[in-house]
């Protein structure tokens, strides 16, 4: 498998980016990591909470992960 994967709809990605912008001030930034991290974001955001528990989303991600594991190394 090569190339980008679309896990969310355009609207879902837009919503998640907005949530990330709102939570950025709560996130930790380490000197060795370029991005920020925030643990347990699903307890803060109802959107993320619903997303990580949605059976259709989880089935799609699981299917992608299964395909990735089954792919031969480059």
PDB file of N, CA and C in Angstrom:
ATOM      1  N   UNK A   1       0.845  -1.153   0.000  1.00  0.00           N
ATOM      2  CA  UNK A   1       0.000   0.000   0.000  1.00  0.00           C
ATOM      3  C   UNK A   1       0.899   1.227   0.000  1.00  0.00           C
ATOM      4  N   UNK A   2       0.563   2.176  -0.828  1.00  0.00           N
ATOM      5  CA  UNK A   2       1.358   3.399  -0.895  1.00  0.00           C
ATOM      6  C   UNK A   2       0.419   4.588  -1.017  1.00  0.00           C
ATOM      7  N   UNK A   3       0.907   5.727  -0.630  1.00  0.00           N
ATOM      8  CA  UNK A   3       0.121   6.947  -0.777  1.00  0.00           C
ATOM      9  C   UNK A   3      -0.685   7.268   0.462  1.00  0.00           C
ATOM     10  N   UNK A   4      -1.301   8.429   0.441  1.00  0.00           N
ATOM     11  CA  UNK A   4      -2.077   8.872   1.609  1.00  0.00           C
ATOM     12  C   UNK A   4      -3.388   8.087   1.750  1.00  0.00           C
ATOM     13  N   UNK A   5      -3.864   8.001   2.962  1.00  0.00           N
ATOM     14  CA  UNK A   5      -5.130   7.351   3.264  1.00  0.00           C
ATOM     15  C   UNK A   5      -6.097   8.392   3.804  1.00  0.00           C
ATOM     16  N   UNK A   6      -7.341   8.284   3.424  1.00  0.00           N
ATOM     17  CA  UNK A   6      -8.351   9.206   3.947  1.00  0.00           C
ATOM     18  C   UNK A   6      -9.177   8.449   4.972  1.00  0.00           C
ATOM     19  N   UNK A   7      -8.960   8.759   6.253  1.00  0.00           N
ATOM     20  CA  UNK A   7      -9.705   8.109   7.327  1.00  0.00           C
ATOM     21  C   UNK A   7     -10.998   8.843   7.641  1.00  0.00           C
ATOM     22  N   UNK A   8     -11.009  10.146   7.437  1.00  0.00           N
ATOM     23  CA  UNK A   8     -12.173  10.960   7.772  1.00  0.00           C
ATOM     24  C   UNK A   8     -12.720  11.640   6.525  1.00  0.00           C
ATOM     25  N   UNK A   9     -13.991  11.993   6.588  1.00  0.00           N
ATOM     26  CA  UNK A   9     -14.551  12.816   5.522  1.00  0.00           C
ATOM     27  C   UNK A   9     -13.920  14.198   5.607  1.00  0.00           C
ATOM     28  N   UNK A  10     -14.135  15.003   4.607  1.00  0.00           N
ATOM     29  CA  UNK A  10     -13.615  16.378   4.616  1.00  0.00           C
ATOM     30  C   UNK A  10     -14.149  17.131   5.833  1.00  0.00           C
ATOM     31  N   UNK A  11     -15.437  16.940   6.117  1.00  0.00           N
ATOM     32  CA  UNK A  11     -16.061  17.613   7.265  1.00  0.00           C
ATOM     33  C   UNK A  11     -15.482  17.094   8.585  1.00  0.00           C
ATOM     34  N   UNK A  12     -15.260  15.783   8.658  1.00  0.00           N
ATOM     35  CA  UNK A  12     -14.678  15.204   9.868  1.00  0.00           C
ATOM     36  C   UNK A  12     -13.266  15.691  10.107  1.00  0.00           C
ATOM     37  N   UNK A  13     -12.478  15.777   9.048  1.00  0.00           N
ATOM     38  CA  UNK A  13     -11.107  16.279   9.170  1.00  0.00           C
ATOM     39  C   UNK A  13     -11.110  17.742   9.603  1.00  0.00           C
ATOM     40  N   UNK A  14     -12.035  18.518   9.057  1.00  0.00           N
ATOM     41  CA  UNK A  14     -12.155  19.932   9.434  1.00  0.00           C
ATOM     42  C   UNK A  14     -12.508  20.053  10.922  1.00  0.00           C
ATOM     43  N   UNK A  15     -13.453  19.239  11.372  1.00  0.00           N
ATOM     44  CA  UNK A  15     -13.850  19.267  12.783  1.00  0.00           C
ATOM     45  C   UNK A  15     -12.689  18.864  13.683  1.00  0.00           C
ATOM     46  N   UNK A  16     -11.958  17.821  13.306  1.00  0.00           N
ATOM     47  CA  UNK A  16     -10.835  17.358  14.121  1.00  0.00           C
ATOM     48  C   UNK A  16      -9.710  18.389  14.172  1.00  0.00           C
ATOM     49  N   UNK A  17      -9.445  19.062  13.052  1.00  0.00           N
ATOM     50  CA  UNK A  17      -8.430  20.128  13.064  1.00  0.00           C
ATOM     51  C   UNK A  17      -8.846  21.256  14.014  1.00  0.00           C
ATOM     52  N   UNK A  18     -10.123  21.607  14.007  1.00  0.00           N
ATOM     53  CA  UNK A  18     -10.613  22.645  14.915  1.00  0.00           C
ATOM     54  C   UNK A  18     -10.451  22.241  16.372  1.00  0.00           C
ATOM     55  N   UNK A  19     -10.758  20.990  16.677  1.00  0.00           N
ATOM     56  CA  UNK A  19     -10.589  20.479  18.041  1.00  0.00           C
ATOM     57  C   UNK A  19      -9.119  20.535  18.437  1.00  0.00           C
ATOM     58  N   UNK A  20      -8.242  20.123  17.542  1.00  0.00           N
ATOM     59  CA  UNK A  20      -6.799  20.149  17.834  1.00  0.00           C
ATOM     60  C   UNK A  20      -6.313  21.572  18.090  1.00  0.00           C
ATOM     61  N   UNK A  21      -6.800  22.523  17.306  1.00  0.00           N
ATOM     62  CA  UNK A  21      -6.409  23.923  17.529  1.00  0.00           C
ATOM     63  C   UNK A  21      -6.872  24.400  18.904  1.00  0.00           C
ATOM     64  N   UNK A  22      -8.095  24.031  19.276  1.00  0.00           N
ATOM     65  CA  UNK A  22      -8.628  24.450  20.575  1.00  0.00           C
ATOM     66  C   UNK A  22      -7.856  23.834  21.738  1.00  0.00           C
ATOM     67  N   UNK A  23      -7.407  22.609  21.576  1.00  0.00           N
ATOM     68  CA  UNK A  23      -6.728  21.896  22.662  1.00  0.00           C
ATOM     69  C   UNK A  23      -5.215  22.093  22.681  1.00  0.00           C
ATOM     70  N   UNK A  24      -4.674  22.785  21.697  1.00  0.00           N
ATOM     71  CA  UNK A  24      -3.218  22.944  21.598  1.00  0.00           C
ATOM     72  C   UNK A  24      -2.624  23.571  22.852  1.00  0.00           C
ATOM     73  N   UNK A  25      -3.325  24.501  23.454  1.00  0.00           N
ATOM     74  CA  UNK A  25      -2.778  25.164  24.654  1.00  0.00           C
ATOM     75  C   UNK A  25      -2.690  24.211  25.841  1.00  0.00           C
ATOM     76  N   UNK A  26      -3.442  23.115  25.821  1.00  0.00           N
ATOM     77  CA  UNK A  26      -3.402  22.118  26.896  1.00  0.00           C
ATOM     78  C   UNK A  26      -2.336  21.055  26.655  1.00  0.00           C
ATOM     79  N   UNK A  27      -1.812  21.007  25.450  1.00  0.00           N
ATOM     80  CA  UNK A  27      -0.908  19.926  25.059  1.00  0.00           C
ATOM     81  C   UNK A  27       0.516  20.164  25.543  1.00  0.00           C
ATOM     82  N   UNK A  28       1.236  19.076  25.676  1.00  0.00           N
ATOM     83  CA  UNK A  28       2.637  19.100  26.097  1.00  0.00           C
ATOM     84  C   UNK A  28       3.511  19.100  24.855  1.00  0.00           C
ATOM     85  N   UNK A  29       4.569  19.881  24.881  1.00  0.00           N
ATOM     86  CA  UNK A  29       5.534  19.863  23.787  1.00  0.00           C
ATOM     87  C   UNK A  29       6.902  19.560  24.365  1.00  0.00           C
ATOM     88  N   UNK A  30       7.508  18.492  23.855  1.00  0.00           N
ATOM     89  CA  UNK A  30       8.857  18.124  24.271  1.00  0.00           C
ATOM     90  C   UNK A  30       9.851  18.683  23.275  1.00  0.00           C
ATOM     91  N   UNK A  31      11.046  18.951  23.715  1.00  0.00           N
ATOM     92  CA  UNK A  31      12.060  19.504  22.839  1.00  0.00           C
ATOM     93  C   UNK A  31      12.443  18.587  21.684  1.00  0.00           C
ATOM     94  N   UNK A  32      12.263  17.279  21.848  1.00  0.00           N
ATOM     95  CA  UNK A  32      12.677  16.339  20.812  1.00  0.00           C
ATOM     96  C   UNK A  32      11.535  15.929  19.890  1.00  0.00           C
ATOM     97  N   UNK A  33      10.324  16.383  20.171  1.00  0.00           N
ATOM     98  CA  UNK A  33       9.175  16.051  19.340  1.00  0.00           C
ATOM     99  C   UNK A  33       8.667  17.333  18.688  1.00  0.00           C
ATOM    100  N   UNK A  34       8.458  17.279  17.390  1.00  0.00           N
ATOM    101  CA  UNK A  34       8.028  18.463  16.656  1.00  0.00           C
ATOM    102  C   UNK A  34       6.588  18.835  16.999  1.00  0.00           C
ATOM    103  N   UNK A  35       5.741  17.821  17.183  1.00  0.00           N
ATOM    104  CA  UNK A  35       4.327  18.086  17.429  1.00  0.00           C
ATOM    105  C   UNK A  35       4.020  18.144  18.924  1.00  0.00           C
ATOM    106  N   UNK A  36       2.773  18.395  19.216  1.00  0.00           N
ATOM    107  CA  UNK A  36       2.295  18.426  20.590  1.00  0.00           C
ATOM    108  C   UNK A  36       1.586  17.112  20.889  1.00  0.00           C
ATOM    109  N   UNK A  37       1.445  16.784  22.171  1.00  0.00           N
ATOM    110  CA  UNK A  37       0.707  15.575  22.531  1.00  0.00           C
ATOM    111  C   UNK A  37      -0.229  15.885  23.698  1.00  0.00           C
ATOM    112  N   UNK A  38      -1.356  15.205  23.687  1.00  0.00           N
ATOM    113  CA  UNK A  38      -2.343  15.369  24.738  1.00  0.00           C
ATOM    114  C   UNK A  38      -2.970  14.009  24.987  1.00  0.00           C
ATOM    115  N   UNK A  39      -2.782  13.496  26.175  1.00  0.00           N
ATOM    116  CA  UNK A  39      -3.342  12.189  26.513  1.00  0.00           C
ATOM    117  C   UNK A  39      -4.823  12.307  26.850  1.00  0.00           C
ATOM    118  N   UNK A  40      -5.531  11.223  26.618  1.00  0.00           N
ATOM    119  CA  UNK A  40      -6.952  11.114  26.971  1.00  0.00           C
ATOM    120  C   UNK A  40      -7.826  12.189  26.348  1.00  0.00           C
ATOM    121  N   UNK A  41      -7.514  12.581  25.119  1.00  0.00           N
ATOM    122  CA  UNK A  41      -8.300  13.618  24.454  1.00  0.00           C
ATOM    123  C   UNK A  41      -9.751  13.184  24.279  1.00  0.00           C
ATOM    124  N   UNK A  42     -10.003  11.868  24.239  1.00  0.00           N
ATOM    125  CA  UNK A  42     -11.384  11.421  24.078  1.00  0.00           C
ATOM    126  C   UNK A  42     -12.235  11.707  25.307  1.00  0.00           C
ATOM    127  N   UNK A  43     -11.603  11.971  26.445  1.00  0.00           N
ATOM    128  CA  UNK A  43     -12.383  12.351  27.629  1.00  0.00           C
ATOM    129  C   UNK A  43     -12.730  13.837  27.608  1.00  0.00           C
ATOM    130  N   UNK A  44     -12.049  14.606  26.779  1.00  0.00           N
ATOM    131  CA  UNK A  44     -12.283  16.048  26.670  1.00  0.00           C
ATOM    132  C   UNK A  44     -13.219  16.366  25.512  1.00  0.00           C
ATOM    133  N   UNK A  45     -13.063  15.664  24.412  1.00  0.00           N
ATOM    134  CA  UNK A  45     -13.802  15.968  23.187  1.00  0.00           C
ATOM    135  C   UNK A  45     -14.875  14.920  22.897  1.00  0.00           C
ATOM    136  N   UNK A  46     -16.143  15.315  22.889  1.00  0.00           N
ATOM    137  CA  UNK A  46     -17.207  14.367  22.516  1.00  0.00           C
ATOM    138  C   UNK A  46     -17.031  13.825  21.093  1.00  0.00           C
ATOM    139  N   UNK A  47     -16.511  14.656  20.170  1.00  0.00           N
ATOM    140  CA  UNK A  47     -16.290  14.217  18.792  1.00  0.00           C
ATOM    141  C   UNK A  47     -15.289  13.073  18.756  1.00  0.00           C
ATOM    142  N   UNK A  48     -14.153  13.245  19.407  1.00  0.00           N
ATOM    143  CA  UNK A  48     -13.118  12.211  19.412  1.00  0.00           C
ATOM    144  C   UNK A  48     -13.621  10.983  20.172  1.00  0.00           C
ATOM    145  N   UNK A  49     -14.338  11.195  21.256  1.00  0.00           N
ATOM    146  CA  UNK A  49     -14.906  10.087  22.028  1.00  0.00           C
ATOM    147  C   UNK A  49     -15.782   9.218  21.130  1.00  0.00           C
ATOM    148  N   UNK A  50     -16.670   9.857  20.378  1.00  0.00           N
ATOM    149  CA  UNK A  50     -17.563   9.121  19.481  1.00  0.00           C
ATOM    150  C   UNK A  50     -16.782   8.462  18.340  1.00  0.00           C
ATOM    151  N   UNK A  51     -15.791   9.159  17.807  1.00  0.00           N
ATOM    152  CA  UNK A  51     -15.028   8.633  16.672  1.00  0.00           C
ATOM    153  C   UNK A  51     -14.294   7.350  17.041  1.00  0.00           C
ATOM    154  N   UNK A  52     -13.613   7.339  18.185  1.00  0.00           N
ATOM    155  CA  UNK A  52     -12.810   6.170  18.547  1.00  0.00           C
ATOM    156  C   UNK A  52     -13.652   4.999  19.038  1.00  0.00           C
ATOM    157  N   UNK A  53     -14.954   5.208  19.138  1.00  0.00           N
ATOM    158  CA  UNK A  53     -15.864   4.135  19.529  1.00  0.00           C
ATOM    159  C   UNK A  53     -16.855   3.766  18.423  1.00  0.00           C
ATOM    160  N   UNK A  54     -16.765   4.437  17.287  1.00  0.00           N
ATOM    161  CA  UNK A  54     -17.696   4.200  16.185  1.00  0.00           C
ATOM    162  C   UNK A  54     -17.353   2.884  15.483  1.00  0.00           C
ATOM    163  N   UNK A  55     -18.296   1.933  15.442  1.00  0.00           N
ATOM    164  CA  UNK A  55     -18.003   0.635  14.837  1.00  0.00           C
ATOM    165  C   UNK A  55     -17.572   0.738  13.366  1.00  0.00           C
ATOM    166  N   UNK A  56     -18.177   1.614  12.596  1.00  0.00           N
ATOM    167  CA  UNK A  56     -17.814   1.738  11.176  1.00  0.00           C
ATOM    168  C   UNK A  56     -16.394   2.281  11.030  1.00  0.00           C
ATOM    169  N   UNK A  57     -16.039   3.294  11.819  1.00  0.00           N
ATOM    170  CA  UNK A  57     -14.687   3.859  11.765  1.00  0.00           C
ATOM    171  C   UNK A  57     -13.661   2.807  12.184  1.00  0.00           C
ATOM    172  N   UNK A  58     -13.934   2.107  13.275  1.00  0.00           N
ATOM    173  CA  UNK A  58     -13.005   1.088  13.763  1.00  0.00           C
ATOM    174  C   UNK A  58     -12.849  -0.054  12.762  1.00  0.00           C
ATOM    175  N   UNK A  59     -13.937  -0.450  12.113  1.00  0.00           N
ATOM    176  CA  UNK A  59     -13.846  -1.510  11.102  1.00  0.00           C
ATOM    177  C   UNK A  59     -12.998  -1.053   9.922  1.00  0.00           C
ATOM    178  N   UNK A  60     -13.162   0.199   9.508  1.00  0.00           N
ATOM    179  CA  UNK A  60     -12.382   0.732   8.383  1.00  0.00           C
ATOM    180  C   UNK A  60     -10.892   0.785   8.730  1.00  0.00           C
ATOM    181  N   UNK A  61     -10.572   1.291   9.905  1.00  0.00           N
ATOM    182  CA  UNK A  61      -9.171   1.377  10.327  1.00  0.00           C
ATOM    183  C   UNK A  61      -8.578  -0.025  10.483  1.00  0.00           C
ATOM    184  N   UNK A  62      -9.359  -0.945  11.026  1.00  0.00           N
ATOM    185  CA  UNK A  62      -8.897  -2.319  11.188  1.00  0.00           C
ATOM    186  C   UNK A  62      -8.617  -2.967   9.832  1.00  0.00           C
ATOM    187  N   UNK A  63      -9.495  -2.714   8.872  1.00  0.00           N
ATOM    188  CA  UNK A  63      -9.295  -3.259   7.534  1.00  0.00           C
ATOM    189  C   UNK A  63      -8.018  -2.701   6.900  1.00  0.00           C
ATOM    190  N   UNK A  64      -7.790  -1.401   7.072  1.00  0.00           N
ATOM    191  CA  UNK A  64      -6.568  -0.801   6.529  1.00  0.00           C
ATOM    192  C   UNK A  64      -5.330  -1.380   7.199  1.00  0.00           C
ATOM    193  N   UNK A  65      -5.388  -1.559   8.516  1.00  0.00           N
ATOM    194  CA  UNK A  65      -4.245  -2.121   9.239  1.00  0.00           C
ATOM    195  C   UNK A  65      -3.986  -3.556   8.819  1.00  0.00           C
ATOM    196  N   UNK A  66      -5.040  -4.319   8.588  1.00  0.00           N
ATOM    197  CA  UNK A  66      -4.882  -5.708   8.152  1.00  0.00           C
ATOM    198  C   UNK A  66      -4.224  -5.774   6.782  1.00  0.00           C
ATOM    199  N   UNK A  67      -4.649  -4.894   5.890  1.00  0.00           N
ATOM    200  CA  UNK A  67      -4.041  -4.858   4.554  1.00  0.00           C
ATOM    201  C   UNK A  67      -2.571  -4.476   4.654  1.00  0.00           C
ATOM    202  N   UNK A  68      -2.273  -3.540   5.520  1.00  0.00           N
ATOM    203  CA  UNK A  68      -0.890  -3.066   5.683  1.00  0.00           C
ATOM    204  C   UNK A  68      -0.005  -4.198   6.198  1.00  0.00           C
ATOM    205  N   UNK A  69      -0.499  -4.974   7.166  1.00  0.00           N
ATOM    206  CA  UNK A  69       0.291  -6.092   7.709  1.00  0.00           C
ATOM    207  C   UNK A  69       0.509  -7.176   6.667  1.00  0.00           C
ATOM    208  N   UNK A  70      -0.489  -7.363   5.811  1.00  0.00           N
ATOM    209  CA  UNK A  70      -0.408  -8.439   4.816  1.00  0.00           C
ATOM    210  C   UNK A  70       0.466  -8.070   3.620  1.00  0.00           C
ATOM    211  N   UNK A  71       0.718  -6.774   3.454  1.00  0.00           N
ATOM    212  CA  UNK A  71       1.523  -6.328   2.304  1.00  0.00           C
ATOM    213  C   UNK A  71       2.976  -6.763   2.481  1.00  0.00           C
ATOM    214  N   UNK A  72       3.607  -7.238   1.410  1.00  0.00           N
ATOM    215  CA  UNK A  72       5.019  -7.614   1.489  1.00  0.00           C
ATOM    216  C   UNK A  72       5.900  -6.389   1.688  1.00  0.00           C
ATOM    217  N   UNK A  73       7.013  -6.537   2.360  1.00  0.00           N
ATOM    218  CA  UNK A  73       7.919  -5.400   2.554  1.00  0.00           C
ATOM    219  C   UNK A  73       8.458  -4.906   1.212  1.00  0.00           C
ATOM    220  N   UNK A  74       8.717  -3.605   1.128  1.00  0.00           N
ATOM    221  CA  UNK A  74       9.222  -3.033  -0.155  1.00  0.00           C
ATOM    222  C   UNK A  74      10.606  -3.521  -0.500  1.00  0.00           C
TER     223      UNK A  74
END
